[in-house]
Amino acid sequence: FTNVLTDTQGFIARDDTRKEIVVALRGSSSVTDFVTDAQILLENFQSNGTSPPAGTTAHSGFLNAWNSVASKVVSVVRSQLASHPGYTIVTSGHSLGGSLSSLAGITLQQNFPSSPIRTYTYGQPRTGNDKYAFWVNDIFGANAFRVVHTTDGVPTMIPTVLGYRHHGVEYWLTQDPASATITKQCAADGEDPTCSASVPSQGIDVAHTLYFDILALTPFCS
């Protein structure tokens, strides 16, 4: 799926072995994406079929990008769940795609509350305010996996002084090569000062472009 105005792209796949419907969203790859990244004002959260707590706000660029494809994604997932009831919904993305994955996860949970949902994000920037973070924490709990690679500066590039807060649960890859033994599971509330937040943000750095030895922008699909 794609939206030509926001250049938001991704794909939906069905894994019949794991019984999952996977929604993957692309990270920053174009000038339009970087314009989206720069729209950091918080705005009231609104998306297809959702009922957020009062005062819930999200990054205006990320929210607009997600909403440009949300109806298509919800429609396809609904069709897949109708023919494959009981499947788990999984959302995933890196960088910008991580924030879109978070927004997708909460939207899909609101539309399909009886379906199990997990989110996996990599190098995700802060995406919303404290009410957004607490909403995600309350709904997903341990089923939200937010991975940060060593000194990746993007997750903390948008500062908390602008009203932003991370949701949980952060898994900090403290060194390379990545393994379970060097991965720290951080505080569930999302803002753990002993995890990646302890490293001053340098913005987009080498650590942001490389997760599990996979270089961002590697062309896997054609």
N, C-alpha and C. Protein backbone atom coordinates (compact mmCIF):
# COMPACT_ATOMS: atom_id res chain seq x y z
N PHE A 1 0.85 -1.19 0.00
CA PHE A 1 0.00 0.00 0.00
C PHE A 1 0.88 1.24 0.00
N THR A 2 0.35 2.33 -0.54
CA THR A 2 1.11 3.58 -0.59
C THR A 2 0.14 4.75 -0.70
N ASN A 3 0.59 5.91 -0.25
CA ASN A 3 -0.13 7.15 -0.48
C ASN A 3 0.83 8.10 -1.17
N VAL A 4 0.48 8.56 -2.35
CA VAL A 4 1.42 9.34 -3.15
C VAL A 4 1.66 10.73 -2.57
N LEU A 5 0.70 11.26 -1.82
CA LEU A 5 0.87 12.60 -1.27
C LEU A 5 1.83 12.61 -0.08
N THR A 6 1.70 11.63 0.81
CA THR A 6 2.58 11.58 1.99
C THR A 6 3.77 10.66 1.77
N ASP A 7 3.77 9.91 0.68
CA ASP A 7 4.80 8.92 0.38
C ASP A 7 4.91 7.87 1.49
N THR A 8 3.79 7.61 2.15
CA THR A 8 3.75 6.55 3.17
C THR A 8 3.57 5.22 2.48
N GLN A 9 4.46 4.28 2.78
CA GLN A 9 4.44 2.98 2.10
C GLN A 9 4.62 1.85 3.10
N GLY A 10 4.11 0.70 2.72
CA GLY A 10 4.26 -0.49 3.54
C GLY A 10 3.64 -1.68 2.84
N PHE A 11 3.58 -2.79 3.55
CA PHE A 11 2.92 -3.95 2.99
C PHE A 11 2.25 -4.75 4.09
N ILE A 12 1.30 -5.56 3.69
CA ILE A 12 0.59 -6.46 4.60
C ILE A 12 0.82 -7.88 4.11
N ALA A 13 1.30 -8.72 5.01
CA ALA A 13 1.58 -10.12 4.66
C ALA A 13 0.88 -11.03 5.65
N ARG A 14 0.58 -12.24 5.21
CA ARG A 14 -0.02 -13.24 6.10
C ARG A 14 0.93 -14.42 6.25
N ASP A 15 1.24 -14.75 7.47
CA ASP A 15 2.11 -15.88 7.77
C ASP A 15 1.25 -17.01 8.32
N ASP A 16 0.99 -18.00 7.49
CA ASP A 16 0.09 -19.08 7.90
C ASP A 16 0.77 -20.06 8.85
N THR A 17 2.10 -20.05 8.88
CA THR A 17 2.81 -20.92 9.83
C THR A 17 2.69 -20.37 11.24
N ARG A 18 2.94 -19.07 11.38
CA ARG A 18 2.86 -18.43 12.69
C ARG A 18 1.46 -17.90 13.01
N LYS A 19 0.57 -17.97 12.01
CA LYS A 19 -0.80 -17.47 12.15
C LYS A 19 -0.79 -16.00 12.54
N GLU A 20 -0.13 -15.22 11.69
CA GLU A 20 0.00 -13.78 11.91
C GLU A 20 -0.37 -13.01 10.65
N ILE A 21 -0.95 -11.84 10.87
CA ILE A 21 -1.15 -10.85 9.81
C ILE A 21 -0.19 -9.71 10.13
N VAL A 22 0.78 -9.49 9.26
CA VAL A 22 1.88 -8.57 9.54
C VAL A 22 1.70 -7.27 8.73
N VAL A 23 1.71 -6.16 9.43
CA VAL A 23 1.64 -4.84 8.80
C VAL A 23 3.01 -4.18 9.00
N ALA A 24 3.76 -4.02 7.91
CA ALA A 24 5.10 -3.43 7.98
C ALA A 24 5.08 -2.06 7.31
N LEU A 25 5.68 -1.08 7.97
CA LEU A 25 5.67 0.30 7.47
C LEU A 25 7.09 0.79 7.25
N ARG A 26 7.31 1.42 6.10
CA ARG A 26 8.65 1.87 5.70
C ARG A 26 9.10 3.07 6.51
N GLY A 27 10.39 3.12 6.79
CA GLY A 27 10.98 4.27 7.47
C GLY A 27 11.31 5.38 6.50
N SER A 28 11.99 6.41 6.99
CA SER A 28 12.32 7.58 6.18
C SER A 28 13.21 7.20 5.00
N SER A 29 12.74 7.55 3.80
CA SER A 29 13.46 7.16 2.59
C SER A 29 13.44 8.23 1.51
N SER A 30 12.67 9.28 1.71
CA SER A 30 12.50 10.30 0.67
C SER A 30 12.45 11.68 1.29
N VAL A 31 12.53 12.69 0.44
CA VAL A 31 12.41 14.07 0.92
C VAL A 31 11.08 14.28 1.62
N THR A 32 10.02 13.72 1.06
CA THR A 32 8.69 13.85 1.66
C THR A 32 8.66 13.25 3.06
N ASP A 33 9.34 12.11 3.24
CA ASP A 33 9.40 11.50 4.57
C ASP A 33 10.07 12.42 5.57
N PHE A 34 11.16 13.07 5.15
CA PHE A 34 11.86 13.95 6.08
C PHE A 34 11.05 15.21 6.39
N VAL A 35 10.21 15.63 5.45
CA VAL A 35 9.27 16.72 5.73
C VAL A 35 8.27 16.25 6.80
N THR A 36 7.80 15.01 6.66
CA THR A 36 6.91 14.43 7.66
C THR A 36 7.58 14.40 9.03
N ASP A 37 8.85 13.97 9.07
CA ASP A 37 9.59 13.90 10.33
C ASP A 37 9.68 15.26 11.02
N ALA A 38 9.77 16.31 10.23
CA ALA A 38 9.99 17.66 10.78
C ALA A 38 8.72 18.30 11.34
N GLN A 39 7.56 17.72 11.08
CA GLN A 39 6.30 18.30 11.54
C GLN A 39 6.04 17.84 12.97
N ILE A 40 6.75 18.44 13.92
CA ILE A 40 6.80 17.91 15.27
C ILE A 40 5.74 18.47 16.23
N LEU A 41 4.89 19.36 15.76
CA LEU A 41 3.84 19.85 16.64
C LEU A 41 2.91 18.69 17.02
N LEU A 42 2.49 18.67 18.27
CA LEU A 42 1.54 17.65 18.73
C LEU A 42 0.11 18.08 18.37
N GLU A 43 -0.68 17.12 17.91
CA GLU A 43 -2.08 17.42 17.62
C GLU A 43 -2.95 16.31 18.20
N ASN A 44 -4.21 16.61 18.40
CA ASN A 44 -5.13 15.64 18.99
C ASN A 44 -5.16 14.36 18.18
N PHE A 45 -5.09 13.24 18.88
CA PHE A 45 -5.07 11.95 18.19
C PHE A 45 -6.46 11.64 17.65
N GLN A 46 -6.52 11.40 16.35
CA GLN A 46 -7.73 10.93 15.68
C GLN A 46 -7.32 9.94 14.61
N SER A 47 -7.99 8.80 14.57
CA SER A 47 -7.74 7.83 13.52
C SER A 47 -8.95 6.91 13.42
N ASN A 48 -9.02 6.17 12.33
CA ASN A 48 -10.17 5.34 12.02
C ASN A 48 -10.61 4.46 13.19
N GLY A 49 -11.84 4.67 13.67
CA GLY A 49 -12.42 3.76 14.65
C GLY A 49 -11.81 3.80 16.03
N THR A 50 -11.11 4.88 16.39
CA THR A 50 -10.45 4.94 17.69
C THR A 50 -11.18 5.85 18.67
N SER A 51 -11.00 5.55 19.95
CA SER A 51 -11.56 6.39 21.01
C SER A 51 -10.46 6.65 22.04
N PRO A 52 -9.57 7.59 21.75
CA PRO A 52 -8.44 7.84 22.65
C PRO A 52 -8.88 8.53 23.93
N PRO A 53 -8.11 8.38 25.00
CA PRO A 53 -8.40 9.14 26.22
C PRO A 53 -8.31 10.64 25.94
N ALA A 54 -9.05 11.41 26.71
CA ALA A 54 -9.04 12.86 26.55
C ALA A 54 -7.62 13.40 26.69
N GLY A 55 -7.26 14.32 25.80
CA GLY A 55 -5.95 14.95 25.87
C GLY A 55 -4.84 14.19 25.19
N THR A 56 -5.18 13.09 24.51
CA THR A 56 -4.16 12.30 23.82
C THR A 56 -3.73 13.01 22.54
N THR A 57 -2.42 13.25 22.41
CA THR A 57 -1.90 13.92 21.23
C THR A 57 -0.76 13.11 20.63
N ALA A 58 -0.49 13.35 19.35
CA ALA A 58 0.58 12.66 18.64
C ALA A 58 1.28 13.63 17.69
N HIS A 59 2.47 13.26 17.30
CA HIS A 59 3.28 14.00 16.32
C HIS A 59 2.44 14.21 15.06
N SER A 60 2.25 15.47 14.66
CA SER A 60 1.31 15.76 13.58
C SER A 60 1.74 15.14 12.26
N GLY A 61 3.05 15.14 11.97
CA GLY A 61 3.52 14.55 10.72
C GLY A 61 3.30 13.05 10.68
N PHE A 62 3.67 12.37 11.78
CA PHE A 62 3.49 10.92 11.83
C PHE A 62 2.01 10.56 11.73
N LEU A 63 1.17 11.31 12.47
CA LEU A 63 -0.26 11.00 12.49
C LEU A 63 -0.88 11.20 11.11
N ASN A 64 -0.52 12.29 10.43
CA ASN A 64 -1.05 12.54 9.09
C ASN A 64 -0.60 11.45 8.11
N ALA A 65 0.66 11.03 8.23
CA ALA A 65 1.17 9.98 7.35
C ALA A 65 0.42 8.68 7.59
N TRP A 66 0.24 8.31 8.86
CA TRP A 66 -0.49 7.07 9.15
C TRP A 66 -1.93 7.16 8.66
N ASN A 67 -2.60 8.27 8.94
CA ASN A 67 -4.01 8.39 8.55
C ASN A 67 -4.20 8.36 7.04
N SER A 68 -3.14 8.68 6.29
CA SER A 68 -3.26 8.65 4.82
C SER A 68 -3.38 7.23 4.27
N VAL A 69 -3.00 6.24 5.08
CA VAL A 69 -3.12 4.84 4.63
C VAL A 69 -3.97 4.01 5.58
N ALA A 70 -4.43 4.60 6.68
CA ALA A 70 -5.10 3.84 7.73
C ALA A 70 -6.34 3.10 7.25
N SER A 71 -7.19 3.76 6.47
CA SER A 71 -8.43 3.11 6.05
C SER A 71 -8.15 1.88 5.19
N LYS A 72 -7.13 1.96 4.33
CA LYS A 72 -6.75 0.82 3.50
C LYS A 72 -6.24 -0.33 4.36
N VAL A 73 -5.38 0.00 5.32
CA VAL A 73 -4.81 -1.04 6.17
C VAL A 73 -5.91 -1.71 7.00
N VAL A 74 -6.78 -0.92 7.60
CA VAL A 74 -7.87 -1.48 8.41
C VAL A 74 -8.76 -2.38 7.56
N SER A 75 -9.06 -1.95 6.34
CA SER A 75 -9.91 -2.73 5.45
C SER A 75 -9.30 -4.08 5.11
N VAL A 76 -8.01 -4.07 4.76
CA VAL A 76 -7.35 -5.33 4.39
C VAL A 76 -7.23 -6.26 5.59
N VAL A 77 -6.87 -5.71 6.74
CA VAL A 77 -6.76 -6.54 7.94
C VAL A 77 -8.12 -7.12 8.31
N ARG A 78 -9.18 -6.33 8.18
CA ARG A 78 -10.52 -6.84 8.46
C ARG A 78 -10.87 -8.01 7.54
N SER A 79 -10.53 -7.89 6.28
CA SER A 79 -10.80 -8.96 5.33
C SER A 79 -10.01 -10.22 5.68
N GLN A 80 -8.74 -10.04 6.05
CA GLN A 80 -7.91 -11.19 6.40
C GLN A 80 -8.39 -11.86 7.69
N LEU A 81 -8.81 -11.08 8.66
CA LEU A 81 -9.31 -11.68 9.91
C LEU A 81 -10.62 -12.42 9.68
N ALA A 82 -11.42 -11.94 8.73
CA ALA A 82 -12.68 -12.62 8.44
C ALA A 82 -12.43 -14.02 7.90
N SER A 83 -11.39 -14.16 7.08
CA SER A 83 -11.08 -15.47 6.51
C SER A 83 -10.08 -16.27 7.33
N HIS A 84 -9.43 -15.59 8.30
CA HIS A 84 -8.44 -16.26 9.15
C HIS A 84 -8.65 -15.82 10.60
N PRO A 85 -9.79 -16.17 11.18
CA PRO A 85 -10.06 -15.75 12.56
C PRO A 85 -9.05 -16.36 13.53
N GLY A 86 -8.73 -15.59 14.54
CA GLY A 86 -7.79 -16.07 15.53
C GLY A 86 -6.34 -15.73 15.25
N TYR A 87 -6.05 -15.19 14.06
CA TYR A 87 -4.68 -14.81 13.75
C TYR A 87 -4.28 -13.59 14.59
N THR A 88 -3.00 -13.50 14.92
CA THR A 88 -2.44 -12.36 15.64
C THR A 88 -2.05 -11.27 14.64
N ILE A 89 -2.35 -10.02 14.99
CA ILE A 89 -1.92 -8.88 14.18
C ILE A 89 -0.56 -8.43 14.70
N VAL A 90 0.38 -8.22 13.79
CA VAL A 90 1.72 -7.74 14.14
C VAL A 90 2.01 -6.49 13.32
N THR A 91 2.46 -5.43 13.98
CA THR A 91 2.91 -4.25 13.24
C THR A 91 4.40 -4.06 13.50
N SER A 92 5.10 -3.52 12.50
CA SER A 92 6.54 -3.36 12.63
C SER A 92 7.04 -2.23 11.74
N GLY A 93 8.16 -1.62 12.16
CA GLY A 93 8.77 -0.59 11.34
C GLY A 93 10.01 -0.04 12.00
N HIS A 94 10.85 0.60 11.19
CA HIS A 94 12.11 1.21 11.65
C HIS A 94 12.02 2.72 11.49
N SER A 95 12.49 3.45 12.50
CA SER A 95 12.58 4.91 12.43
C SER A 95 11.18 5.52 12.28
N LEU A 96 10.96 6.32 11.25
CA LEU A 96 9.61 6.81 10.96
C LEU A 96 8.63 5.65 10.93
N GLY A 97 9.03 4.55 10.30
CA GLY A 97 8.16 3.37 10.25
C GLY A 97 7.83 2.82 11.62
N GLY A 98 8.75 3.02 12.59
CA GLY A 98 8.46 2.60 13.95
C GLY A 98 7.33 3.39 14.57
N SER A 99 7.35 4.71 14.38
CA SER A 99 6.25 5.53 14.89
C SER A 99 4.94 5.20 14.18
N LEU A 100 5.01 4.99 12.87
CA LEU A 100 3.80 4.60 12.13
C LEU A 100 3.29 3.25 12.62
N SER A 101 4.22 2.35 12.96
CA SER A 101 3.83 1.04 13.48
C SER A 101 3.12 1.18 14.82
N SER A 102 3.59 2.08 15.66
CA SER A 102 2.94 2.33 16.94
C SER A 102 1.52 2.86 16.74
N LEU A 103 1.39 3.84 15.84
CA LEU A 103 0.06 4.40 15.54
C LEU A 103 -0.84 3.36 14.91
N ALA A 104 -0.27 2.53 14.03
CA ALA A 104 -1.05 1.46 13.40
C ALA A 104 -1.52 0.46 14.44
N GLY A 105 -0.62 0.11 15.37
CA GLY A 105 -0.96 -0.87 16.39
C GLY A 105 -2.15 -0.43 17.23
N ILE A 106 -2.13 0.83 17.68
CA ILE A 106 -3.22 1.30 18.54
C ILE A 106 -4.51 1.42 17.74
N THR A 107 -4.42 1.83 16.47
CA THR A 107 -5.61 1.93 15.62
C THR A 107 -6.21 0.55 15.36
N LEU A 108 -5.38 -0.41 15.04
CA LEU A 108 -5.87 -1.76 14.77
C LEU A 108 -6.45 -2.41 16.02
N GLN A 109 -5.84 -2.14 17.17
CA GLN A 109 -6.40 -2.69 18.41
C GLN A 109 -7.79 -2.13 18.68
N GLN A 110 -7.97 -0.85 18.41
CA GLN A 110 -9.27 -0.24 18.63
C GLN A 110 -10.32 -0.79 17.67
N ASN A 111 -9.91 -1.13 16.47
CA ASN A 111 -10.84 -1.67 15.48
C ASN A 111 -11.11 -3.16 15.67
N PHE A 112 -10.10 -3.88 16.21
CA PHE A 112 -10.24 -5.33 16.38
C PHE A 112 -9.85 -5.72 17.80
N PRO A 113 -10.64 -5.30 18.79
CA PRO A 113 -10.26 -5.47 20.19
C PRO A 113 -10.17 -6.93 20.64
N SER A 114 -10.80 -7.84 19.92
CA SER A 114 -10.75 -9.25 20.32
C SER A 114 -9.56 -9.99 19.71
N SER A 115 -8.82 -9.32 18.84
CA SER A 115 -7.66 -9.95 18.20
C SER A 115 -6.38 -9.62 18.95
N PRO A 116 -5.52 -10.60 19.20
CA PRO A 116 -4.23 -10.31 19.83
C PRO A 116 -3.36 -9.48 18.89
N ILE A 117 -2.67 -8.51 19.44
CA ILE A 117 -1.83 -7.61 18.63
C ILE A 117 -0.48 -7.42 19.33
N ARG A 118 0.58 -7.44 18.53
CA ARG A 118 1.93 -7.11 19.02
C ARG A 118 2.54 -6.08 18.10
N THR A 119 3.37 -5.19 18.67
CA THR A 119 4.11 -4.23 17.86
C THR A 119 5.60 -4.39 18.11
N TYR A 120 6.38 -4.28 17.02
CA TYR A 120 7.83 -4.35 17.08
C TYR A 120 8.38 -3.13 16.36
N THR A 121 9.09 -2.27 17.08
CA THR A 121 9.65 -1.09 16.43
C THR A 121 11.15 -1.02 16.69
N TYR A 122 11.85 -0.37 15.75
CA TYR A 122 13.31 -0.29 15.80
C TYR A 122 13.72 1.16 15.54
N GLY A 123 14.41 1.77 16.50
CA GLY A 123 14.81 3.16 16.33
C GLY A 123 13.64 4.11 16.24
N GLN A 124 12.58 3.84 16.98
CA GLN A 124 11.35 4.65 16.92
C GLN A 124 11.52 5.98 17.64
N PRO A 125 11.21 7.09 17.00
CA PRO A 125 11.21 8.38 17.71
C PRO A 125 10.05 8.44 18.71
N ARG A 126 10.15 9.36 19.65
CA ARG A 126 8.97 9.62 20.49
C ARG A 126 7.82 10.00 19.57
N THR A 127 6.63 9.49 19.87
CA THR A 127 5.52 9.57 18.92
C THR A 127 4.35 10.39 19.42
N GLY A 128 4.20 10.52 20.73
CA GLY A 128 3.06 11.26 21.27
C GLY A 128 3.35 11.79 22.66
N ASN A 129 2.32 12.31 23.29
CA ASN A 129 2.48 12.88 24.63
C ASN A 129 2.34 11.80 25.70
N ASP A 130 2.31 12.22 26.96
CA ASP A 130 2.24 11.24 28.05
C ASP A 130 0.95 10.43 28.00
N LYS A 131 -0.15 11.05 27.62
CA LYS A 131 -1.41 10.31 27.56
C LYS A 131 -1.38 9.26 26.45
N TYR A 132 -0.72 9.59 25.34
CA TYR A 132 -0.56 8.59 24.28
C TYR A 132 0.29 7.43 24.79
N ALA A 133 1.41 7.76 25.43
CA ALA A 133 2.31 6.72 25.94
C ALA A 133 1.60 5.82 26.94
N PHE A 134 0.87 6.41 27.89
CA PHE A 134 0.19 5.61 28.90
C PHE A 134 -0.92 4.77 28.27
N TRP A 135 -1.58 5.30 27.24
CA TRP A 135 -2.62 4.56 26.53
C TRP A 135 -2.02 3.31 25.88
N VAL A 136 -0.91 3.49 25.18
CA VAL A 136 -0.24 2.34 24.57
C VAL A 136 0.20 1.34 25.64
N ASN A 137 0.79 1.85 26.72
CA ASN A 137 1.23 0.96 27.79
C ASN A 137 0.07 0.16 28.38
N ASP A 138 -1.05 0.83 28.61
CA ASP A 138 -2.21 0.16 29.21
C ASP A 138 -2.76 -0.93 28.30
N ILE A 139 -2.78 -0.66 27.00
CA ILE A 139 -3.39 -1.60 26.06
C ILE A 139 -2.45 -2.74 25.69
N PHE A 140 -1.18 -2.41 25.44
CA PHE A 140 -0.24 -3.42 24.94
C PHE A 140 0.60 -4.07 26.03
N GLY A 141 0.94 -3.31 27.06
CA GLY A 141 1.79 -3.87 28.10
C GLY A 141 3.07 -4.45 27.51
N ALA A 142 3.32 -5.72 27.82
CA ALA A 142 4.54 -6.38 27.34
C ALA A 142 4.48 -6.77 25.88
N ASN A 143 3.38 -6.51 25.20
CA ASN A 143 3.25 -6.86 23.78
C ASN A 143 3.69 -5.74 22.85
N ALA A 144 4.28 -4.69 23.40
CA ALA A 144 4.91 -3.64 22.60
C ALA A 144 6.42 -3.74 22.82
N PHE A 145 7.14 -4.00 21.75
CA PHE A 145 8.59 -4.18 21.81
C PHE A 145 9.26 -3.02 21.07
N ARG A 146 9.96 -2.16 21.80
CA ARG A 146 10.59 -0.98 21.21
C ARG A 146 12.10 -1.13 21.34
N VAL A 147 12.76 -1.51 20.24
CA VAL A 147 14.18 -1.85 20.27
C VAL A 147 15.02 -0.62 19.92
N VAL A 148 16.07 -0.39 20.70
CA VAL A 148 17.00 0.71 20.45
C VAL A 148 18.41 0.14 20.39
N HIS A 149 19.13 0.47 19.31
CA HIS A 149 20.49 -0.03 19.08
C HIS A 149 21.54 0.92 19.64
N THR A 150 22.26 0.51 20.63
CA THR A 150 23.39 1.23 21.26
C THR A 150 23.15 2.74 21.34
N THR A 151 23.87 3.53 20.55
CA THR A 151 23.82 5.00 20.66
C THR A 151 22.83 5.66 19.72
N ASP A 152 21.95 4.88 19.11
CA ASP A 152 20.97 5.45 18.17
C ASP A 152 20.35 6.71 18.78
N GLY A 153 20.52 7.83 18.10
CA GLY A 153 20.04 9.10 18.63
C GLY A 153 18.62 9.45 18.25
N VAL A 154 18.02 8.74 17.30
CA VAL A 154 16.69 9.09 16.83
C VAL A 154 15.61 8.90 17.90
N PRO A 155 15.64 7.82 18.69
CA PRO A 155 14.59 7.66 19.70
C PRO A 155 14.49 8.80 20.71
N THR A 156 15.59 9.51 20.94
CA THR A 156 15.55 10.62 21.90
C THR A 156 15.76 11.98 21.23
N MET A 157 15.72 12.01 19.90
CA MET A 157 15.96 13.26 19.17
C MET A 157 14.85 14.29 19.41
N ILE A 158 13.61 13.85 19.51
CA ILE A 158 12.50 14.75 19.87
C ILE A 158 12.47 14.79 21.40
N PRO A 159 12.76 15.92 22.01
CA PRO A 159 12.93 15.95 23.47
C PRO A 159 11.61 15.94 24.23
N THR A 160 11.69 15.50 25.47
CA THR A 160 10.50 15.45 26.32
C THR A 160 10.00 16.85 26.67
N VAL A 161 10.87 17.87 26.59
CA VAL A 161 10.45 19.24 26.93
C VAL A 161 9.40 19.76 25.96
N LEU A 162 9.26 19.11 24.81
CA LEU A 162 8.23 19.51 23.85
C LEU A 162 6.90 18.82 24.12
N GLY A 163 6.83 18.08 25.23
CA GLY A 163 5.58 17.42 25.61
C GLY A 163 5.50 15.96 25.19
N TYR A 164 6.58 15.42 24.67
CA TYR A 164 6.60 14.03 24.19
C TYR A 164 7.01 13.07 25.30
N ARG A 165 6.57 11.82 25.15
CA ARG A 165 6.98 10.75 26.07
C ARG A 165 6.97 9.44 25.31
N HIS A 166 7.98 8.62 25.55
CA HIS A 166 8.02 7.28 24.97
C HIS A 166 7.06 6.35 25.71
N HIS A 167 6.48 5.42 24.96
CA HIS A 167 5.80 4.29 25.60
C HIS A 167 6.81 3.15 25.73
N GLY A 168 6.43 2.15 26.49
CA GLY A 168 7.30 0.97 26.65
C GLY A 168 7.07 -0.03 25.53
N VAL A 169 7.67 -1.17 25.55
CA VAL A 169 8.75 -1.50 26.48
C VAL A 169 10.05 -1.42 25.69
N GLU A 170 11.01 -0.62 26.18
CA GLU A 170 12.28 -0.50 25.48
C GLU A 170 13.16 -1.72 25.74
N TYR A 171 13.78 -2.21 24.65
CA TYR A 171 14.82 -3.23 24.74
C TYR A 171 16.08 -2.61 24.15
N TRP A 172 17.03 -2.32 25.03
CA TRP A 172 18.23 -1.59 24.63
C TRP A 172 19.36 -2.55 24.33
N LEU A 173 19.79 -2.54 23.06
CA LEU A 173 20.94 -3.34 22.64
C LEU A 173 22.18 -2.54 23.03
N THR A 174 22.82 -2.90 24.12
CA THR A 174 23.85 -2.05 24.71
C THR A 174 25.19 -2.10 23.98
N GLN A 175 25.41 -3.15 23.18
CA GLN A 175 26.66 -3.25 22.43
C GLN A 175 26.48 -4.22 21.27
N ASP A 176 27.49 -4.29 20.43
CA ASP A 176 27.47 -5.21 19.29
C ASP A 176 28.43 -6.36 19.54
N PRO A 177 28.17 -7.55 18.96
CA PRO A 177 26.97 -7.89 18.20
C PRO A 177 25.76 -8.10 19.11
N ALA A 178 24.59 -7.92 18.55
CA ALA A 178 23.36 -8.05 19.32
C ALA A 178 23.16 -9.49 19.78
N SER A 179 22.76 -9.63 21.03
CA SER A 179 22.43 -10.94 21.57
C SER A 179 21.56 -10.73 22.80
N ALA A 180 20.97 -11.80 23.29
CA ALA A 180 20.12 -11.69 24.47
C ALA A 180 20.91 -11.23 25.69
N THR A 181 22.17 -11.62 25.76
CA THR A 181 22.96 -11.31 26.96
C THR A 181 23.30 -9.83 27.09
N ILE A 182 23.33 -9.09 25.97
CA ILE A 182 23.66 -7.66 26.04
C ILE A 182 22.42 -6.79 25.86
N THR A 183 21.24 -7.39 25.88
CA THR A 183 19.99 -6.65 25.71
C THR A 183 19.38 -6.37 27.08
N LYS A 184 19.11 -5.11 27.35
CA LYS A 184 18.52 -4.72 28.62
C LYS A 184 17.04 -4.43 28.44
N GLN A 185 16.21 -5.13 29.19
CA GLN A 185 14.78 -4.82 29.20
C GLN A 185 14.57 -3.68 30.18
N CYS A 186 14.06 -2.56 29.68
CA CYS A 186 13.98 -1.33 30.46
C CYS A 186 12.64 -1.22 31.19
N ALA A 187 12.51 -0.18 31.97
CA ALA A 187 11.29 0.04 32.73
C ALA A 187 10.07 0.08 31.82
N ALA A 188 8.98 -0.51 32.28
CA ALA A 188 7.80 -0.68 31.44
C ALA A 188 7.12 0.62 31.06
N ASP A 189 7.38 1.70 31.82
CA ASP A 189 6.66 2.95 31.53
C ASP A 189 7.19 3.68 30.31
N GLY A 190 8.38 3.29 29.82
CA GLY A 190 8.88 3.85 28.56
C GLY A 190 10.01 4.84 28.67
N GLU A 191 10.14 5.53 29.78
CA GLU A 191 11.20 6.53 29.93
C GLU A 191 12.13 6.10 31.06
N ASP A 192 13.07 5.24 30.76
CA ASP A 192 14.00 4.70 31.74
C ASP A 192 15.33 5.45 31.61
N PRO A 193 15.72 6.23 32.61
CA PRO A 193 16.96 7.03 32.50
C PRO A 193 18.23 6.19 32.48
N THR A 194 18.10 4.89 32.76
CA THR A 194 19.28 4.02 32.74
C THR A 194 19.43 3.30 31.41
N CYS A 195 18.54 3.56 30.47
CA CYS A 195 18.61 2.90 29.17
C CYS A 195 19.08 3.89 28.10
N SER A 196 18.54 3.85 26.90
CA SER A 196 19.07 4.69 25.82
C SER A 196 18.95 6.18 26.12
N ALA A 197 18.01 6.54 27.00
CA ALA A 197 17.87 7.96 27.37
C ALA A 197 19.10 8.47 28.11
N SER A 198 19.96 7.57 28.59
CA SER A 198 21.17 7.99 29.29
C SER A 198 22.26 8.47 28.34
N VAL A 199 22.06 8.24 27.03
CA VAL A 199 23.04 8.64 26.01
C VAL A 199 22.54 9.89 25.30
N PRO A 200 23.28 11.00 25.35
CA PRO A 200 22.84 12.22 24.66
C PRO A 200 22.60 11.95 23.17
N SER A 201 21.49 12.45 22.65
CA SER A 201 21.15 12.19 21.25
C SER A 201 22.10 12.91 20.30
N GLN A 202 22.60 12.16 19.34
CA GLN A 202 23.39 12.72 18.24
C GLN A 202 22.60 12.70 16.94
N GLY A 203 21.28 12.50 17.04
CA GLY A 203 20.45 12.45 15.85
C GLY A 203 20.67 11.17 15.07
N ILE A 204 20.61 11.28 13.76
CA ILE A 204 20.80 10.10 12.90
C ILE A 204 22.28 9.76 12.88
N ASP A 205 22.63 8.61 13.43
CA ASP A 205 24.02 8.18 13.47
C ASP A 205 24.12 6.77 12.88
N VAL A 206 25.32 6.23 12.90
CA VAL A 206 25.54 4.90 12.32
C VAL A 206 24.67 3.86 13.02
N ALA A 207 24.54 3.99 14.34
CA ALA A 207 23.75 3.02 15.09
C ALA A 207 22.29 2.99 14.63
N HIS A 208 21.80 4.13 14.17
CA HIS A 208 20.40 4.18 13.72
C HIS A 208 20.20 3.42 12.41
N THR A 209 21.22 3.36 11.61
CA THR A 209 21.08 2.77 10.27
C THR A 209 21.33 1.27 10.26
N LEU A 210 21.69 0.70 11.41
CA LEU A 210 22.08 -0.71 11.44
C LEU A 210 21.45 -1.41 12.64
N TYR A 211 20.53 -2.32 12.35
CA TYR A 211 19.88 -3.11 13.40
C TYR A 211 20.04 -4.58 13.08
N PHE A 212 20.58 -5.33 14.05
CA PHE A 212 20.82 -6.76 13.87
C PHE A 212 21.63 -7.04 12.60
N ASP A 213 22.62 -6.18 12.36
CA ASP A 213 23.51 -6.29 11.20
C ASP A 213 22.79 -6.13 9.86
N ILE A 214 21.61 -5.55 9.90
CA ILE A 214 20.88 -5.25 8.66
C ILE A 214 20.90 -3.75 8.44
N LEU A 215 21.43 -3.34 7.30
CA LEU A 215 21.54 -1.92 6.98
C LEU A 215 20.20 -1.38 6.51
N ALA A 216 19.78 -0.25 7.10
CA ALA A 216 18.54 0.40 6.64
C ALA A 216 18.64 0.72 5.16
N LEU A 217 17.53 0.65 4.46
CA LEU A 217 17.41 0.88 3.02
C LEU A 217 17.90 -0.31 2.19
N THR A 218 18.25 -1.43 2.85
CA THR A 218 18.59 -2.63 2.09
C THR A 218 17.36 -3.06 1.28
N PRO A 219 17.47 -3.20 -0.04
CA PRO A 219 16.30 -3.54 -0.88
C PRO A 219 15.96 -5.03 -0.82
N PHE A 220 15.00 -5.40 0.03
CA PHE A 220 14.60 -6.79 0.14
C PHE A 220 13.51 -7.15 -0.86
N CYS A 221 12.71 -6.16 -1.24
CA CYS A 221 11.57 -6.42 -2.13
C CYS A 221 11.75 -5.64 -3.43
N SER A 222 11.11 -6.13 -4.47
CA SER A 222 11.15 -5.43 -5.76
C SER A 222 9.76 -5.41 -6.37
